[in-house]
Amino acid sequence: MATVTIKKTPFRFFRQDHTGLGLFLGFLAPVLGFTVCYFIKMYPMFSFKEFLSLVLAQRNLLTSMTSLSLLANAVLFTLYVNSGKDNTAKGIFLTTCLYGIAALLLKIIL
């Protein structure tokens, strides 16, 4: 009888092609992008709470931070499209559109 070995990779979860995975990654990536932008630009000067208040108070900063945050989704989208994972890319694109609409509404309301 032949033995079958299953190769376990630590990032197997990210190799799936599901719209749900795309939605999850699409919602997570801008949050991580926003946090990275905070640590790169404002970390020593402002606390995270002060930074959020500053972003909501200044429209120009809100626009630039939203754009930089959504850049993380653009990178993910490109990676998944180039690897042929179209359903995951679809979910990422959908969340990118939702984030963009939310950012536009925030800019209009505030």
N, C-alpha and C. Protein backbone atom coordinates (compact mmCIF):
# COMPACT_ATOMS: atom_id res chain seq x y z
N MET A 1 0.84 -1.17 0.00
CA MET A 1 0.00 0.00 0.00
C MET A 1 0.89 1.25 0.00
N ALA A 2 0.55 2.20 -0.83
CA ALA A 2 1.34 3.42 -0.95
C ALA A 2 0.95 4.40 0.15
N THR A 3 1.93 5.13 0.62
CA THR A 3 1.65 6.14 1.63
C THR A 3 1.52 7.50 0.94
N VAL A 4 0.61 8.26 1.45
CA VAL A 4 0.36 9.58 0.90
C VAL A 4 0.80 10.60 1.93
N THR A 5 1.63 11.51 1.50
CA THR A 5 2.05 12.58 2.40
C THR A 5 1.40 13.87 1.94
N ILE A 6 0.91 14.58 2.89
CA ILE A 6 0.27 15.85 2.60
C ILE A 6 1.21 16.95 3.05
N LYS A 7 1.57 17.78 2.11
CA LYS A 7 2.47 18.88 2.41
C LYS A 7 1.66 20.01 3.04
N LYS A 8 2.01 20.33 4.27
CA LYS A 8 1.32 21.42 4.96
C LYS A 8 2.16 22.68 4.84
N THR A 9 1.55 23.71 4.34
CA THR A 9 2.23 24.99 4.25
C THR A 9 1.56 25.96 5.21
N PRO A 10 2.31 26.84 5.81
CA PRO A 10 1.72 27.74 6.80
C PRO A 10 0.74 28.74 6.21
N PHE A 11 0.86 29.05 4.94
CA PHE A 11 -0.01 30.07 4.33
C PHE A 11 -1.00 29.46 3.36
N ARG A 12 -1.38 28.22 3.56
CA ARG A 12 -2.32 27.54 2.68
C ARG A 12 -3.67 28.28 2.62
N PHE A 13 -4.06 28.91 3.71
CA PHE A 13 -5.31 29.65 3.78
C PHE A 13 -5.39 30.73 2.70
N PHE A 14 -4.25 31.39 2.43
CA PHE A 14 -4.23 32.49 1.48
C PHE A 14 -4.19 32.01 0.03
N ARG A 15 -4.02 30.72 -0.19
CA ARG A 15 -3.97 30.20 -1.55
C ARG A 15 -5.34 29.76 -2.05
N GLN A 16 -6.35 29.89 -1.25
CA GLN A 16 -7.70 29.50 -1.66
C GLN A 16 -8.27 30.55 -2.61
N ASP A 17 -9.28 30.14 -3.36
CA ASP A 17 -9.93 31.06 -4.29
C ASP A 17 -11.40 31.16 -3.93
N HIS A 18 -11.70 31.99 -2.94
CA HIS A 18 -13.07 32.19 -2.47
C HIS A 18 -13.36 33.67 -2.33
N THR A 19 -14.56 34.05 -2.68
CA THR A 19 -14.96 35.45 -2.54
C THR A 19 -14.94 35.87 -1.08
N GLY A 20 -15.31 34.97 -0.19
CA GLY A 20 -15.30 35.28 1.24
C GLY A 20 -13.91 35.63 1.74
N LEU A 21 -12.90 34.92 1.25
CA LEU A 21 -11.52 35.25 1.61
C LEU A 21 -11.16 36.63 1.10
N GLY A 22 -11.61 36.95 -0.10
CA GLY A 22 -11.35 38.28 -0.66
C GLY A 22 -12.01 39.38 0.16
N LEU A 23 -13.24 39.12 0.62
CA LEU A 23 -13.92 40.10 1.45
C LEU A 23 -13.17 40.30 2.77
N PHE A 24 -12.74 39.20 3.37
CA PHE A 24 -12.00 39.28 4.63
C PHE A 24 -10.69 40.05 4.44
N LEU A 25 -9.92 39.68 3.43
CA LEU A 25 -8.65 40.37 3.19
C LEU A 25 -8.86 41.81 2.77
N GLY A 26 -9.94 42.05 2.02
CA GLY A 26 -10.24 43.41 1.58
C GLY A 26 -10.63 44.34 2.71
N PHE A 27 -11.27 43.79 3.74
CA PHE A 27 -11.59 44.62 4.91
C PHE A 27 -10.39 44.78 5.83
N LEU A 28 -9.54 43.77 5.89
CA LEU A 28 -8.40 43.79 6.80
C LEU A 28 -7.23 44.64 6.27
N ALA A 29 -6.95 44.57 5.00
CA ALA A 29 -5.78 45.24 4.43
C ALA A 29 -5.79 46.76 4.62
N PRO A 30 -6.90 47.48 4.38
CA PRO A 30 -6.86 48.92 4.61
C PRO A 30 -6.67 49.30 6.08
N VAL A 31 -7.20 48.47 6.97
CA VAL A 31 -6.99 48.75 8.40
C VAL A 31 -5.50 48.62 8.73
N LEU A 32 -4.89 47.57 8.21
CA LEU A 32 -3.44 47.41 8.42
C LEU A 32 -2.66 48.51 7.72
N GLY A 33 -3.10 48.91 6.53
CA GLY A 33 -2.45 50.00 5.82
C GLY A 33 -2.54 51.32 6.58
N PHE A 34 -3.70 51.58 7.16
CA PHE A 34 -3.90 52.78 7.95
C PHE A 34 -2.98 52.77 9.17
N THR A 35 -2.88 51.62 9.82
CA THR A 35 -2.02 51.49 11.00
C THR A 35 -0.55 51.67 10.64
N VAL A 36 -0.15 51.11 9.51
CA VAL A 36 1.24 51.27 9.07
C VAL A 36 1.52 52.74 8.76
N CYS A 37 0.58 53.42 8.12
CA CYS A 37 0.75 54.85 7.84
C CYS A 37 0.90 55.65 9.12
N TYR A 38 0.14 55.29 10.13
CA TYR A 38 0.25 55.96 11.43
C TYR A 38 1.64 55.78 12.00
N PHE A 39 2.15 54.55 11.99
CA PHE A 39 3.46 54.30 12.57
C PHE A 39 4.58 54.94 11.77
N ILE A 40 4.41 55.06 10.46
CA ILE A 40 5.45 55.68 9.64
C ILE A 40 5.45 57.20 9.78
N LYS A 41 4.27 57.80 9.77
CA LYS A 41 4.18 59.26 9.73
C LYS A 41 4.06 59.94 11.10
N MET A 42 3.23 59.40 11.98
CA MET A 42 2.83 60.17 13.15
C MET A 42 3.14 59.53 14.50
N TYR A 43 3.75 58.35 14.52
CA TYR A 43 3.85 57.61 15.77
C TYR A 43 4.52 58.37 16.91
N PRO A 44 5.68 58.93 16.75
CA PRO A 44 6.28 59.54 17.95
C PRO A 44 5.56 60.79 18.42
N MET A 45 4.89 61.50 17.50
CA MET A 45 4.28 62.78 17.86
C MET A 45 2.90 62.65 18.48
N PHE A 46 2.08 61.73 17.98
CA PHE A 46 0.69 61.62 18.40
C PHE A 46 0.37 60.21 18.87
N SER A 47 -0.54 60.12 19.83
CA SER A 47 -1.07 58.80 20.17
C SER A 47 -2.05 58.40 19.07
N PHE A 48 -2.44 57.13 19.04
CA PHE A 48 -3.34 56.68 17.98
C PHE A 48 -4.69 57.37 18.08
N LYS A 49 -5.16 57.62 19.30
CA LYS A 49 -6.44 58.30 19.49
C LYS A 49 -6.37 59.74 18.97
N GLU A 50 -5.27 60.44 19.27
CA GLU A 50 -5.10 61.80 18.76
C GLU A 50 -4.99 61.80 17.24
N PHE A 51 -4.34 60.80 16.71
CA PHE A 51 -4.19 60.68 15.26
C PHE A 51 -5.55 60.51 14.58
N LEU A 52 -6.40 59.66 15.15
CA LEU A 52 -7.75 59.48 14.59
C LEU A 52 -8.55 60.78 14.63
N SER A 53 -8.44 61.51 15.73
CA SER A 53 -9.13 62.80 15.83
C SER A 53 -8.61 63.78 14.78
N LEU A 54 -7.31 63.77 14.58
CA LEU A 54 -6.69 64.66 13.58
C LEU A 54 -7.15 64.30 12.17
N VAL A 55 -7.20 63.03 11.86
CA VAL A 55 -7.62 62.58 10.53
C VAL A 55 -9.08 62.97 10.28
N LEU A 56 -9.94 62.80 11.27
CA LEU A 56 -11.35 63.15 11.10
C LEU A 56 -11.56 64.66 11.04
N ALA A 57 -10.68 65.44 11.65
CA ALA A 57 -10.83 66.89 11.67
C ALA A 57 -10.35 67.54 10.37
N GLN A 58 -9.37 66.95 9.73
CA GLN A 58 -8.79 67.56 8.52
C GLN A 58 -9.15 66.72 7.29
N ARG A 59 -9.90 67.32 6.39
CA ARG A 59 -10.35 66.60 5.21
C ARG A 59 -9.22 66.15 4.31
N ASN A 60 -8.20 67.00 4.15
CA ASN A 60 -7.08 66.63 3.28
C ASN A 60 -6.34 65.41 3.82
N LEU A 61 -6.17 65.37 5.13
CA LEU A 61 -5.50 64.24 5.74
C LEU A 61 -6.35 62.98 5.63
N LEU A 62 -7.67 63.15 5.75
CA LEU A 62 -8.58 62.01 5.60
C LEU A 62 -8.46 61.41 4.20
N THR A 63 -8.41 62.26 3.19
CA THR A 63 -8.29 61.79 1.82
C THR A 63 -6.97 61.07 1.58
N SER A 64 -5.88 61.64 2.05
CA SER A 64 -4.59 61.02 1.81
C SER A 64 -4.43 59.71 2.58
N MET A 65 -4.92 59.65 3.81
CA MET A 65 -4.82 58.42 4.59
C MET A 65 -5.70 57.32 4.00
N THR A 66 -6.86 57.69 3.50
CA THR A 66 -7.74 56.71 2.87
C THR A 66 -7.10 56.16 1.60
N SER A 67 -6.50 57.04 0.82
CA SER A 67 -5.83 56.60 -0.41
C SER A 67 -4.68 55.66 -0.11
N LEU A 68 -3.88 56.00 0.88
CA LEU A 68 -2.75 55.14 1.23
C LEU A 68 -3.23 53.81 1.82
N SER A 69 -4.32 53.84 2.56
CA SER A 69 -4.87 52.61 3.11
C SER A 69 -5.40 51.70 2.02
N LEU A 70 -6.07 52.28 1.04
CA LEU A 70 -6.62 51.48 -0.05
C LEU A 70 -5.54 50.99 -1.01
N LEU A 71 -4.36 51.57 -0.93
CA LEU A 71 -3.25 51.08 -1.72
C LEU A 71 -2.90 49.64 -1.33
N ALA A 72 -3.10 49.30 -0.07
CA ALA A 72 -2.88 47.92 0.38
C ALA A 72 -3.82 46.97 -0.35
N ASN A 73 -5.06 47.39 -0.57
CA ASN A 73 -6.01 46.57 -1.33
C ASN A 73 -5.59 46.44 -2.79
N ALA A 74 -5.05 47.51 -3.35
CA ALA A 74 -4.60 47.45 -4.74
C ALA A 74 -3.47 46.44 -4.91
N VAL A 75 -2.58 46.39 -3.94
CA VAL A 75 -1.48 45.43 -3.99
C VAL A 75 -2.03 44.00 -3.89
N LEU A 76 -2.93 43.78 -2.92
CA LEU A 76 -3.55 42.45 -2.78
C LEU A 76 -4.31 42.05 -4.03
N PHE A 77 -5.09 42.97 -4.57
CA PHE A 77 -5.88 42.70 -5.77
C PHE A 77 -4.96 42.28 -6.92
N THR A 78 -3.87 43.00 -7.11
CA THR A 78 -2.93 42.68 -8.18
C THR A 78 -2.31 41.30 -7.98
N LEU A 79 -1.93 40.99 -6.74
CA LEU A 79 -1.34 39.68 -6.45
C LEU A 79 -2.32 38.55 -6.76
N TYR A 80 -3.58 38.70 -6.36
CA TYR A 80 -4.54 37.63 -6.58
C TYR A 80 -4.99 37.53 -8.04
N VAL A 81 -5.07 38.64 -8.74
CA VAL A 81 -5.40 38.57 -10.17
C VAL A 81 -4.27 37.89 -10.94
N ASN A 82 -3.03 38.27 -10.64
CA ASN A 82 -1.89 37.68 -11.35
C ASN A 82 -1.70 36.20 -11.04
N SER A 83 -2.18 35.75 -9.88
CA SER A 83 -2.05 34.33 -9.54
C SER A 83 -3.26 33.53 -10.00
N GLY A 84 -4.22 34.17 -10.65
CA GLY A 84 -5.38 33.47 -11.19
C GLY A 84 -6.47 33.18 -10.18
N LYS A 85 -6.43 33.81 -9.05
CA LYS A 85 -7.46 33.62 -8.01
C LYS A 85 -8.52 34.72 -8.18
N ASP A 86 -9.36 34.55 -9.19
CA ASP A 86 -10.29 35.60 -9.58
C ASP A 86 -11.41 35.82 -8.58
N ASN A 87 -11.89 34.77 -7.92
CA ASN A 87 -12.96 34.95 -6.93
C ASN A 87 -12.47 35.75 -5.73
N THR A 88 -11.25 35.47 -5.28
CA THR A 88 -10.68 36.23 -4.17
C THR A 88 -10.47 37.68 -4.60
N ALA A 89 -9.98 37.88 -5.81
CA ALA A 89 -9.78 39.23 -6.33
C ALA A 89 -11.10 39.98 -6.42
N LYS A 90 -12.18 39.26 -6.76
CA LYS A 90 -13.51 39.87 -6.81
C LYS A 90 -13.92 40.42 -5.45
N GLY A 91 -13.69 39.63 -4.40
CA GLY A 91 -14.02 40.08 -3.04
C GLY A 91 -13.19 41.28 -2.62
N ILE A 92 -11.92 41.27 -2.98
CA ILE A 92 -11.05 42.42 -2.66
C ILE A 92 -11.52 43.66 -3.39
N PHE A 93 -11.89 43.50 -4.65
CA PHE A 93 -12.38 44.64 -5.43
C PHE A 93 -13.67 45.20 -4.84
N LEU A 94 -14.56 44.32 -4.42
CA LEU A 94 -15.83 44.76 -3.83
C LEU A 94 -15.59 45.58 -2.56
N THR A 95 -14.71 45.10 -1.69
CA THR A 95 -14.45 45.85 -0.46
C THR A 95 -13.72 47.16 -0.74
N THR A 96 -12.88 47.17 -1.77
CA THR A 96 -12.21 48.41 -2.15
C THR A 96 -13.24 49.45 -2.57
N CYS A 97 -14.23 49.02 -3.34
CA CYS A 97 -15.31 49.94 -3.75
C CYS A 97 -16.10 50.43 -2.55
N LEU A 98 -16.40 49.52 -1.62
CA LEU A 98 -17.15 49.92 -0.42
C LEU A 98 -16.36 50.91 0.43
N TYR A 99 -15.06 50.65 0.61
CA TYR A 99 -14.22 51.58 1.36
C TYR A 99 -14.15 52.93 0.66
N GLY A 100 -14.04 52.92 -0.66
CA GLY A 100 -13.99 54.17 -1.41
C GLY A 100 -15.27 54.98 -1.26
N ILE A 101 -16.42 54.31 -1.33
CA ILE A 101 -17.70 55.00 -1.16
C ILE A 101 -17.82 55.55 0.26
N ALA A 102 -17.41 54.74 1.25
CA ALA A 102 -17.46 55.20 2.64
C ALA A 102 -16.55 56.41 2.86
N ALA A 103 -15.38 56.40 2.26
CA ALA A 103 -14.46 57.54 2.39
C ALA A 103 -15.04 58.78 1.73
N LEU A 104 -15.67 58.59 0.59
CA LEU A 104 -16.30 59.73 -0.10
C LEU A 104 -17.44 60.31 0.73
N LEU A 105 -18.26 59.44 1.30
CA LEU A 105 -19.35 59.90 2.15
C LEU A 105 -18.84 60.61 3.40
N LEU A 106 -17.79 60.07 4.00
CA LEU A 106 -17.19 60.73 5.17
C LEU A 106 -16.68 62.12 4.81
N LYS A 107 -16.06 62.24 3.65
CA LYS A 107 -15.54 63.53 3.24
C LYS A 107 -16.68 64.53 2.98
N ILE A 108 -17.78 64.06 2.43
CA ILE A 108 -18.92 64.94 2.17
C ILE A 108 -19.60 65.34 3.47
N ILE A 109 -19.79 64.38 4.38
CA ILE A 109 -20.50 64.65 5.62
C ILE A 109 -19.67 65.52 6.56
N LEU A 110 -18.40 65.18 6.70
CA LEU A 110 -17.55 65.95 7.62
C LEU A 110 -17.10 67.18 6.94
